[in-house]
C-alpha cells in the first residue's frame, strides 16, 4: 500500500497501539501456556475465587462452643441493639443479604416456618431470632424491614439487624460465617447458628431447607434440657416436657405425648406399691413384729 506521496506503508496503525503490542503478546503467551495473570490482592479481600466450601464449613465448625462477645447493631426500626440483650435464652442467628433473589429469601422463609413450629412446641417467648444483613452497602434498617415484610414475618421476638462493615466482619468471623463477593452477589454457606443462653455457639445448621427437628431438637435441649436454669420442681417438669414433646413426621408438627407421661406415672405408682409391699412384708417377719 502507498500513500499520496508514494511512500510505502504496511499498516495504518497508531503509535499507541504499536507500543501496547508487547503487553498483548505477554498476555497471549500466558494464556497459551495455561497460566493466568496474577492480580495483587490483600489477604483479607473477599472475592469469589477465594471461596472454598469445604474450608468455609471447617471455619464454621471451628466456632462451636465459642462464646460470642458483644456487638452493636441497629434494628429494623433504626434503634440501637446490643447482642448482650439476647442473653438469658437461646438465640437463632441467620446472616443474609437483602439483594439476594433466591437463596437468602428461601432460607429466611423456611426459617420462619421452622420457628413457627418451634414456638408452638416450646413457647413463643422461649427463644429469640435475629436476621443480620452482611451487605453493609445495601442492608440498611429500611431494607431489612422491607425484606422481613416481603416474607410476612412477625417482628415479635425476631429482629432484623444492620451494622457497619467493621462490625459485620468481626461478628461473622466470630460466629464462623464467611462470605465472598461474586458475580451473582455473594458466595456463602447457607448457615443458621444456634446460641445458648450464655451466648455460646451450640449448633450450626446448614442448608436452605431442612427438616424441622434439625433445628428444633437442639433448641428443645436448650429450652427444656441441661442448659435451662430452674428450681427442682421446674427442672422435673422441664425433663418431662423434654422427653414427651415429640415430632410427628406426618403432620410436620410437635405434640406432647401424654401416653409417655401416663406410663411414667403408672410406673412410679407400681414401684412405690412394690416398695410398700416389701417394707410391710419385712416388718411382719421381723422378730420385733411378733412380740
Protein backbone atom coordinates (compact mmCIF):
# COMPACT_ATOMS: atom_id res chain seq x y z
CA UNK A 1 0.00 0.00 0.00
CA UNK A 2 1.23 3.54 -0.81
CA UNK A 3 0.20 6.94 0.48
CA UNK A 4 -0.36 10.02 -1.71
CA UNK A 5 3.36 10.87 -1.61
CA UNK A 6 4.30 7.48 -2.99
CA UNK A 7 5.82 6.20 0.28
CA UNK A 8 5.09 2.56 1.08
CA UNK A 9 3.08 1.88 4.30
CA UNK A 10 2.43 -1.67 5.59
CA UNK A 11 -0.48 -0.92 8.02
CA UNK A 12 -2.16 2.29 9.16
CA UNK A 13 -1.55 1.58 12.89
CA UNK A 14 -1.44 4.21 15.58
CA UNK A 15 1.73 4.64 17.54
CA UNK A 16 -0.06 3.96 20.88
CA UNK A 17 -1.28 0.60 19.61
CA UNK A 18 2.22 -0.34 18.50
CA UNK A 19 3.52 0.49 21.98
CA UNK A 20 0.93 -1.83 23.55
CA UNK A 21 1.89 -4.83 21.42
CA UNK A 22 4.48 -6.17 23.91
CA UNK A 23 1.83 -6.24 26.67
CA UNK A 24 -0.68 -8.01 24.44
CA UNK A 25 1.92 -10.54 23.41
CA UNK A 26 2.76 -11.24 27.06
CA UNK A 27 -0.91 -11.85 27.92
CA UNK A 28 -1.34 -14.17 24.90
CA UNK A 29 1.79 -16.07 25.90
CA UNK A 30 0.46 -16.58 29.44
CA UNK A 31 -2.85 -17.95 28.19
CA UNK A 32 -1.08 -20.16 25.66
CA UNK A 33 0.86 -21.85 28.48
CA UNK A 34 -2.30 -22.34 30.58
CA UNK A 35 -1.40 -19.62 33.09
CA UNK A 36 -3.41 -16.61 34.17
CA UNK A 37 -2.03 -13.19 35.05
CA UNK A 38 -1.64 -12.79 38.81
CA UNK A 39 -3.58 -9.92 40.34
CA UNK A 40 -2.20 -8.43 43.55
CA UNK A 41 -4.75 -8.76 46.35
CA UNK A 42 -4.92 -8.07 50.05
CA UNK A 43 -5.13 -11.31 52.03
CA UNK A 44 -8.45 -10.26 53.60
CA UNK A 45 -10.15 -9.38 50.29
CA UNK A 46 -13.43 -11.31 49.94
CA UNK A 47 -13.65 -12.47 46.33
CA UNK A 48 -15.32 -15.50 44.75
CA UNK A 49 -12.07 -17.09 43.55
CA UNK A 50 -11.03 -17.50 47.20
CA UNK A 51 -14.26 -19.22 48.26
CA UNK A 52 -13.89 -22.90 49.12
CA UNK A 53 -16.98 -24.64 50.51
CA UNK A 54 -15.02 -27.23 52.49
CA UNK A 55 -12.86 -24.55 54.09
CA UNK A 56 -15.95 -22.45 54.83
CA UNK A 57 -17.55 -25.48 56.52
CA UNK A 58 -14.42 -26.15 58.56
CA UNK A 59 -14.30 -22.49 59.58
CA UNK A 60 -17.96 -22.67 60.60
CA UNK A 61 -17.45 -25.77 62.74
CA UNK A 62 -14.45 -24.20 64.47
CA UNK A 63 -16.83 -21.71 66.13
CA UNK A 64 -18.68 -24.42 68.10
CA UNK A 65 -18.60 -23.83 71.89
CA UNK A 66 -17.20 -20.33 71.36
CA UNK A 67 -18.78 -17.59 73.45
CA UNK A 68 -19.73 -14.70 71.18
CA UNK A 69 -18.86 -11.26 72.51
CA UNK A 70 -20.96 -8.13 72.45
CA UNK A 71 -21.65 -6.34 69.18
CA UNK A 72 -23.63 -3.20 68.39
CA UNK A 73 -26.35 -3.37 65.74
CA UNK A 74 -29.30 -1.30 64.56
CA UNK A 75 -32.70 -2.98 64.27
CA UNK A 76 -35.37 -2.58 61.59
CA UNK A 77 -36.79 0.42 63.45
CA UNK A 78 -33.45 2.24 63.47
CA UNK A 79 -32.90 1.62 67.21
CA UNK A 80 -29.53 0.54 68.60
CA UNK A 81 -29.33 -3.07 69.75
CA UNK A 82 -26.65 -4.84 71.77
CA UNK A 83 -26.09 -8.55 71.25
CA UNK A 84 -25.96 -8.94 75.03
CA UNK A 85 -29.66 -8.01 75.14
CA UNK A 86 -30.47 -11.50 73.88
CA UNK A 87 -28.66 -13.33 76.69
CA UNK A 88 -30.76 -15.43 79.06
CA UNK A 89 -32.49 -17.53 76.40
CA UNK A 90 -31.41 -19.35 73.22
CA UNK A 91 -30.82 -17.21 70.13
CA UNK A 92 -31.15 -18.23 66.48
CA UNK A 93 -28.86 -16.23 64.16
CA UNK A 94 -29.14 -16.05 60.37
CA UNK A 95 -26.96 -13.92 58.08
CA UNK A 96 -28.31 -12.84 54.68
CA UNK A 97 -28.03 -10.08 52.12
CA UNK A 98 -31.26 -8.42 51.00
CA UNK A 99 -30.38 -8.05 47.32
CA UNK A 100 -30.21 -11.85 47.02
CA UNK A 101 -33.05 -13.07 44.80
CA UNK A 102 -33.04 -16.79 45.55
CA UNK A 103 -31.11 -18.43 48.40
CA UNK A 104 -31.49 -15.84 51.19
CA UNK A 105 -35.25 -15.30 50.69
CA UNK A 106 -35.83 -19.08 50.61
CA UNK A 107 -33.63 -19.62 53.67
CA UNK A 108 -35.50 -16.93 55.62
CA UNK A 109 -38.96 -18.13 54.59
CA UNK A 110 -38.09 -21.69 55.60
CA UNK A 111 -36.64 -20.48 58.89
CA UNK A 112 -39.94 -18.69 59.52
CA UNK A 113 -41.80 -21.99 59.08
CA UNK A 114 -39.46 -23.82 61.46
CA UNK A 115 -39.59 -21.00 64.03
CA UNK A 116 -43.40 -21.23 63.96
CA UNK A 117 -43.18 -24.96 64.69
CA UNK A 118 -40.65 -24.38 67.47
CA UNK A 119 -42.72 -21.65 69.11
CA UNK A 120 -45.79 -23.85 69.08
CA UNK A 121 -43.87 -26.67 70.76
CA UNK A 122 -41.58 -24.77 73.13
CA UNK A 123 -43.36 -21.48 73.81
CA UNK A 124 -43.37 -18.21 71.91
CA UNK A 125 -41.02 -16.42 74.29
CA UNK A 126 -38.68 -19.34 74.96
CA UNK A 127 -36.07 -18.15 72.40
CA UNK A 128 -35.20 -15.19 70.16
CA UNK A 129 -34.32 -14.86 66.47
CA UNK A 130 -32.14 -12.34 64.62
CA UNK A 131 -31.51 -11.98 60.91
CA UNK A 132 -28.44 -9.88 60.13
CA UNK A 133 -27.69 -8.22 56.79
CA UNK A 134 -23.99 -8.61 55.94
CA UNK A 135 -24.02 -6.48 52.75
CA UNK A 136 -23.31 -3.23 54.61
CA UNK A 137 -23.50 -1.09 51.47
CA UNK A 138 -27.13 -2.10 50.91
CA UNK A 139 -28.62 -3.71 54.02
CA UNK A 140 -29.87 -0.64 55.84
CA UNK A 141 -32.56 -0.84 58.56
CA UNK A 142 -35.14 0.15 55.95
CA UNK A 143 -34.05 -2.63 53.60
CA UNK A 144 -34.06 -5.16 56.43
CA UNK A 145 -37.60 -4.14 57.41
CA UNK A 146 -38.75 -4.46 53.79
CA UNK A 147 -37.04 -7.84 53.49
CA UNK A 148 -38.96 -9.09 56.54
CA UNK A 149 -42.29 -7.68 55.39
CA UNK A 150 -41.90 -9.31 51.98
CA UNK A 151 -41.68 -12.66 53.83
CA UNK A 152 -44.67 -11.76 56.08
CA UNK A 153 -42.56 -12.22 59.20
CA UNK A 154 -43.88 -11.05 62.56
CA UNK A 155 -41.29 -8.86 64.33
CA UNK A 156 -42.26 -10.10 67.81
CA UNK A 157 -39.18 -11.91 69.09
CA UNK A 158 -37.45 -11.64 65.71
CA UNK A 159 -35.23 -8.67 64.89
CA UNK A 160 -33.67 -7.75 61.55
CA UNK A 161 -30.34 -6.08 62.19
CA UNK A 162 -27.80 -3.92 60.36
CA UNK A 163 -24.27 -2.84 61.24
CA UNK A 164 -21.18 -1.18 59.81
CA UNK A 165 -18.62 -3.13 57.79
CA UNK A 166 -16.14 -3.48 60.66
CA UNK A 167 -18.78 -4.93 62.99
CA UNK A 168 -20.08 -7.36 60.37
CA UNK A 169 -16.55 -8.55 59.57
CA UNK A 170 -15.71 -9.18 63.23
CA UNK A 171 -19.06 -10.74 64.12
CA UNK A 172 -19.18 -13.07 61.09
CA UNK A 173 -15.66 -14.31 61.82
CA UNK A 174 -16.58 -14.82 65.48
CA UNK A 175 -19.67 -16.85 64.67
CA UNK A 176 -17.97 -18.89 61.94
CA UNK A 177 -19.59 -17.35 58.86
CA UNK A 178 -17.57 -16.10 55.88
CA UNK A 179 -18.84 -14.57 52.66
CA UNK A 180 -17.19 -13.56 49.39
CA UNK A 181 -18.18 -11.15 46.66
CA UNK A 182 -19.01 -12.83 43.36
CA UNK A 183 -20.60 -12.01 40.01
CA UNK A 184 -24.02 -13.05 41.36
CA UNK A 185 -23.61 -11.04 44.58
CA UNK A 186 -22.01 -13.14 47.32
CA UNK A 187 -20.92 -16.72 47.87
CA UNK A 188 -21.52 -18.11 51.37
CA UNK A 189 -22.75 -21.15 53.24
CA UNK A 190 -26.47 -21.41 53.89
CA UNK A 191 -25.94 -21.35 57.62
CA UNK A 192 -28.16 -20.89 60.67
CA UNK A 193 -26.41 -20.63 64.05
CA UNK A 194 -27.93 -21.53 67.41
CA UNK A 195 -26.51 -19.83 70.52
CA UNK A 196 -27.32 -20.97 74.04
CA UNK A 197 -28.50 -18.66 76.82
CA UNK A 198 -24.90 -17.74 77.67
CA UNK A 199 -24.07 -16.77 74.08
CA UNK A 200 -22.09 -19.94 73.21
CA UNK A 201 -22.32 -21.45 69.72
CA UNK A 202 -24.31 -24.63 70.40
CA UNK A 203 -25.10 -25.84 66.88
CA UNK A 204 -24.55 -24.92 63.22
CA UNK A 205 -27.39 -25.85 60.84
CA UNK A 206 -26.73 -25.96 57.11
CA UNK A 207 -28.99 -25.86 54.09
CA UNK A 208 -31.66 -23.62 52.60
CA UNK A 209 -34.31 -26.13 53.64
CA UNK A 210 -34.13 -28.88 56.26
CA UNK A 211 -36.43 -30.98 58.41
CA UNK A 212 -37.79 -29.06 61.39
CA UNK A 213 -36.19 -31.34 64.04
CA UNK A 214 -32.71 -30.43 62.73
CA UNK A 215 -33.16 -27.05 64.43
CA UNK A 216 -35.97 -27.69 66.92
CA UNK A 217 -34.33 -30.68 68.67
CA UNK A 218 -31.17 -28.82 69.78
CA UNK A 219 -33.35 -25.82 70.58
CA UNK A 220 -35.57 -28.08 72.69
CA UNK A 221 -32.48 -29.31 74.54
CA UNK A 222 -31.58 -25.72 75.40
CA UNK A 223 -35.08 -24.70 76.46
CA UNK A 224 -36.02 -27.82 78.49
CA UNK A 225 -32.75 -29.65 78.97
CA UNK A 226 -29.50 -29.41 80.85
CA UNK A 227 -28.87 -25.75 79.97
CA UNK A 228 -32.11 -24.45 81.47
CA UNK A 229 -31.82 -22.83 84.89
CA UNK A 230 -34.74 -23.97 87.02
CA UNK A 231 -35.79 -25.00 90.51
CA UNK A 232 -36.11 -28.67 91.40
CA UNK A 233 -39.80 -28.79 90.51
CA UNK A 234 -39.33 -26.74 87.33
CA UNK A 235 -36.42 -28.97 86.34
CA UNK A 236 -38.59 -32.06 86.82
CA UNK A 237 -41.36 -30.55 84.69
CA UNK A 238 -38.85 -29.48 82.02
CA UNK A 239 -37.43 -33.01 81.85
CA UNK A 240 -40.92 -34.37 81.28
CA UNK A 241 -41.53 -31.81 78.52
CA UNK A 242 -38.12 -32.60 77.02
CA UNK A 243 -38.85 -36.33 76.66
CA UNK A 244 -42.59 -36.10 75.98
CA UNK A 245 -42.51 -33.37 73.31
CA UNK A 246 -42.21 -35.41 70.12
CA UNK A 247 -42.16 -34.70 66.39
CA UNK A 248 -44.86 -36.12 64.13
CA UNK A 249 -43.42 -36.50 60.63
CA UNK A 250 -46.89 -36.88 59.10
CA UNK A 251 -48.18 -33.53 60.33
CA UNK A 252 -44.78 -31.83 60.45
CA UNK A 253 -45.56 -30.53 63.95
CA UNK A 254 -44.62 -31.33 67.54
CA UNK A 255 -47.06 -32.69 70.10
CA UNK A 256 -46.98 -33.61 73.79
CA UNK A 257 -47.21 -37.38 74.12
CA UNK A 258 -49.41 -37.92 77.19
CA UNK A 259 -49.04 -41.68 76.91
CA UNK A 260 -45.38 -41.42 77.94
CA UNK A 261 -46.33 -39.18 80.85
CA UNK A 262 -49.16 -41.51 81.95
CA UNK A 263 -46.89 -44.54 81.54
CA UNK A 264 -44.27 -42.81 83.67
CA UNK A 265 -46.83 -42.13 86.41
CA UNK A 266 -48.10 -45.71 86.30
CA UNK A 267 -44.53 -46.98 86.52
CA UNK A 268 -43.85 -44.78 89.55
CA UNK A 269 -47.09 -45.96 91.24
CA UNK A 270 -46.15 -49.60 90.62
CA UNK A 271 -42.64 -49.09 92.01
CA UNK A 272 -44.00 -47.32 95.11
CA UNK A 273 -46.57 -50.09 95.62
CA UNK A 274 -43.89 -52.78 95.36
CA UNK A 275 -41.70 -50.88 97.81
CA UNK A 276 -44.59 -50.56 100.31
CA UNK A 277 -45.40 -54.26 99.94
CA UNK A 278 -41.76 -55.25 100.56
CA UNK A 279 -41.49 -52.99 103.60
CA UNK A 280 -44.72 -54.35 105.13
CA UNK A 281 -43.68 -57.94 104.48
CA UNK A 282 -40.29 -57.29 106.04
CA UNK A 283 -41.88 -55.78 109.14
CA UNK A 284 -44.31 -58.69 109.53
CA UNK A 285 -41.48 -61.24 109.51
CA UNK A 286 -39.05 -59.45 111.82
CA UNK A 287 -38.79 -60.73 115.45
CA UNK A 288 -39.94 -57.42 116.91
CA UNK A 289 -43.18 -57.52 114.96
CA UNK A 290 -44.20 -60.93 116.52
CA UNK A 291 -43.97 -59.74 120.14
